[in-house]
Protein backbone atom coordinates (compact mmCIF):
# COMPACT_ATOMS: atom_id res chain seq x y z
CA MET A 1 78.83 112.17 84.79
CA LYS A 2 76.96 112.66 88.07
CA ALA A 3 75.22 109.29 87.66
CA ILE A 4 78.59 107.58 87.15
CA ALA A 5 79.99 109.27 90.27
CA GLN A 6 76.97 108.13 92.31
CA ARG A 7 77.41 104.54 91.10
CA MET A 8 81.11 104.64 91.88
CA HIS A 9 80.34 105.91 95.40
CA VAL A 10 78.13 102.86 95.87
CA VAL A 11 80.96 100.62 94.64
CA ALA A 12 83.45 102.27 97.02
CA ASP A 13 81.01 101.96 99.94
CA PHE A 14 80.44 98.30 99.08
CA LEU A 15 84.21 97.70 99.10
CA THR A 16 84.49 99.35 102.54
CA LEU A 17 81.67 97.16 103.87
CA PHE A 18 83.30 94.14 102.23
CA ARG A 19 86.34 94.59 104.50
CA PHE A 20 84.11 94.15 107.54
CA VAL A 21 82.71 90.94 106.03
CA ASP A 22 86.21 89.87 105.01
CA ALA A 23 87.41 90.37 108.58
CA LEU A 24 84.59 88.11 109.80
CA LEU A 25 85.56 85.51 107.20
CA ILE A 26 89.14 85.56 108.46
CA PHE A 27 87.87 85.07 112.02
CA ALA A 28 85.40 82.33 111.14
CA ALA A 29 86.54 80.54 108.02
CA ALA A 30 90.28 80.96 107.61
CA ASN A 31 91.40 77.55 108.81
CA THR A 32 94.55 77.41 106.68
CA VAL A 33 97.28 79.88 105.77
CA PHE A 34 96.25 79.54 102.12
CA THR A 35 92.61 80.47 102.88
CA ALA A 36 93.72 83.36 105.07
CA SER A 37 96.01 84.62 102.32
CA ILE A 38 93.09 84.69 99.86
CA PHE A 39 90.89 86.64 102.31
CA ILE A 40 93.73 88.99 103.25
CA THR A 41 94.62 89.70 99.65
CA ALA A 42 90.95 90.39 98.91
CA GLY A 43 90.84 92.81 101.85
CA TRP A 44 93.97 94.62 100.71
CA ALA A 45 92.56 94.88 97.19
CA SER A 46 89.23 96.23 98.44
CA ASP A 47 91.07 98.84 100.51
CA MET A 48 93.14 99.96 97.54
CA PHE A 49 90.25 100.12 95.10
CA ASP A 50 87.77 101.84 97.44
CA GLY A 51 90.43 104.48 98.12
CA MET A 52 91.11 104.98 94.42
CA ILE A 53 87.40 105.36 93.69
CA ALA A 54 86.79 107.69 96.64
CA ARG A 55 89.68 109.95 95.66
CA LYS A 56 88.63 110.06 92.01
CA TYR A 57 84.94 110.70 92.67
CA GLY A 58 85.15 112.93 95.75
CA GLY A 59 84.61 110.71 98.77
CA THR A 60 81.79 108.40 99.72
CA LYS A 61 78.96 108.18 102.23
CA LEU A 62 80.75 105.51 104.26
CA GLY A 63 84.23 107.01 103.98
CA GLY A 64 84.21 107.67 107.73
CA LEU A 65 83.99 103.92 108.32
CA ASP A 66 87.14 103.20 106.31
CA LEU A 67 89.46 103.43 109.31
CA TYR A 68 87.21 101.07 111.30
CA ALA A 69 87.04 98.65 108.39
CA ASP A 70 90.85 98.71 108.26
CA LEU A 71 91.12 98.16 112.02
CA SER A 72 88.67 95.25 112.03
CA PHE A 73 90.57 93.72 109.13
CA ASP A 74 93.93 94.16 110.89
CA ILE A 75 92.55 92.72 114.13
CA SER A 76 91.31 89.67 112.22
CA ILE A 77 94.82 89.13 110.85
CA LEU A 78 96.20 89.42 114.38
CA TYR A 79 93.62 86.89 115.57
CA PHE A 80 94.66 84.49 112.82
CA LEU A 81 98.33 84.82 113.78
CA LEU A 82 97.51 84.44 117.49
CA SER A 83 95.38 81.37 116.86
CA ARG A 84 98.37 79.75 115.12
CA ASN A 85 100.78 80.75 117.92
CA ALA A 86 102.76 82.71 115.32
CA ILE A 87 102.92 85.65 117.74
CA SER A 88 102.29 85.96 121.46
CA TRP A 89 99.40 87.69 123.20
CA GLY A 90 101.84 89.72 125.29
CA THR A 91 103.60 91.08 122.24
CA VAL A 92 100.32 91.95 120.55
CA LEU A 93 98.99 93.67 123.67
CA VAL A 94 102.10 95.78 124.27
CA VAL A 95 102.61 96.76 120.63
CA SER A 96 98.90 97.47 120.08
CA VAL A 97 98.55 99.63 123.17
CA LEU A 98 101.69 101.59 122.30
CA PHE A 99 100.88 102.22 118.65
CA ILE A 100 97.11 102.66 118.84
CA GLY A 101 97.41 104.73 122.02
CA ALA A 102 100.02 106.96 120.37
CA TYR A 103 97.72 107.39 117.37
CA PHE A 104 94.81 108.64 119.49
CA ILE A 105 96.95 110.72 121.84
CA LEU A 106 99.12 112.38 119.20
CA HIS A 107 96.54 112.56 116.39
CA ASN A 108 99.27 111.40 114.04
CA ASP A 109 98.89 108.59 111.50
CA ALA A 110 102.45 107.26 111.89
CA PRO A 111 101.85 104.95 114.89
CA LEU A 112 98.78 103.37 113.28
CA MET A 113 100.56 102.99 109.95
CA LEU A 114 103.49 101.30 111.68
CA TRP A 115 101.13 98.99 113.61
CA MET A 116 99.41 97.96 110.37
CA ALA A 117 102.73 97.46 108.58
CA ILE A 118 103.98 95.22 111.41
CA ILE A 119 100.82 93.09 111.19
CA TYR A 120 101.10 92.71 107.42
CA PHE A 121 104.79 91.93 107.62
CA ALA A 122 104.15 89.35 110.37
CA PHE A 123 101.55 87.62 108.21
CA ILE A 124 103.81 87.60 105.15
CA VAL A 125 106.68 86.10 107.18
CA TYR A 126 104.34 83.51 108.71
CA ALA A 127 102.93 82.62 105.28
CA TYR A 128 106.46 82.13 104.00
CA SER A 129 107.27 79.75 106.83
CA GLU A 130 104.03 77.74 106.54
CA ASP A 131 102.79 77.70 102.94
CA LYS A 132 104.82 78.95 99.98
CA THR A 133 101.74 79.25 97.77
CA ALA A 134 100.07 81.51 100.35
CA PHE A 135 103.26 83.53 100.55
CA TYR A 136 103.31 83.99 96.77
CA ILE A 137 99.72 85.21 96.85
CA VAL A 138 100.29 87.90 99.48
CA ALA A 139 103.77 88.84 98.30
CA GLY A 140 102.49 89.01 94.73
CA TRP A 141 99.78 91.44 95.77
CA ALA A 142 102.33 93.51 97.70
CA ILE A 143 104.39 93.75 94.52
CA LEU A 144 101.38 94.31 92.23
CA THR A 145 99.93 97.18 94.29
CA PRO A 146 102.55 99.80 93.39
CA ILE A 147 102.40 98.66 89.77
CA LEU A 148 98.61 99.20 89.67
CA SER A 149 98.79 102.53 91.46
CA PRO A 150 102.32 103.95 91.30
CA ARG A 151 101.42 107.56 92.13
CA ARG A 152 99.29 106.52 95.10
CA SER A 153 101.98 104.15 96.36
CA LEU A 154 104.61 106.88 96.17
CA SER A 155 102.23 109.30 97.86
CA GLN A 156 101.59 106.82 100.68
CA ILE A 157 105.30 106.21 101.17
CA LYS A 158 105.94 109.97 101.25
CA HIS A 159 103.05 110.47 103.70
CA PHE A 160 104.33 107.62 105.85
CA PHE A 161 107.81 109.15 106.16
CA GLU A 162 106.36 112.63 106.77
CA GLU A 163 104.23 111.23 109.58
CA ILE A 164 107.22 109.38 111.03
CA ARG A 165 109.27 112.59 110.92
CA ASN A 166 106.44 114.51 112.65
CA PHE A 167 106.04 111.69 115.17
CA ILE A 168 109.72 111.74 116.10
C-alpha cells in the first residue's frame, strides 16, 4: 500500500507541475479560443485530479506549490482574455488588486476563490461568444466535474459560502 501511495504522490506532483506547463502553453500557443479551451480544460482536470489524489493519499511533496500553479494558470487565462480584448487592463488590475490583496490581508480564501470564479466565468462567456465548440468543451467540463466528484464539489461549494460569510 505504501508503494502505491508513493506512486500516487508522484502522479499528483506531476499534475501540479503540469498546470505550470499548461499556463505556459496558454501564454505561448493558445492562438484560438478552441485551443485555449483545450488547455484550460486540461488545467482544470489536472487541478481536480491532483487534489483528489492528494486528499486520498495524504498530501504530496509539491502540495505547497498548488496555489502558485493555480495562480499561474489563472493569470494565463487572464492574459488570453486580455490579448483578445475580451476584458480591459483596467478592470483586471482593479479586480485583481482588490481580491488578491484581500486574500493576503485577511488570510481568507473567499476573495481568491471569487477572483478565480470571475476569471473562469469570463472565459466561458467569451468562449460562448466566439466559438460554440470551445464553449461546449469548457461548459461540459464544468458540468462533468461535480458528476465525477460530487462530495468534493459539495464540499467546495460549502467551503466557498463559509468563506464568503466569514469575509463579510
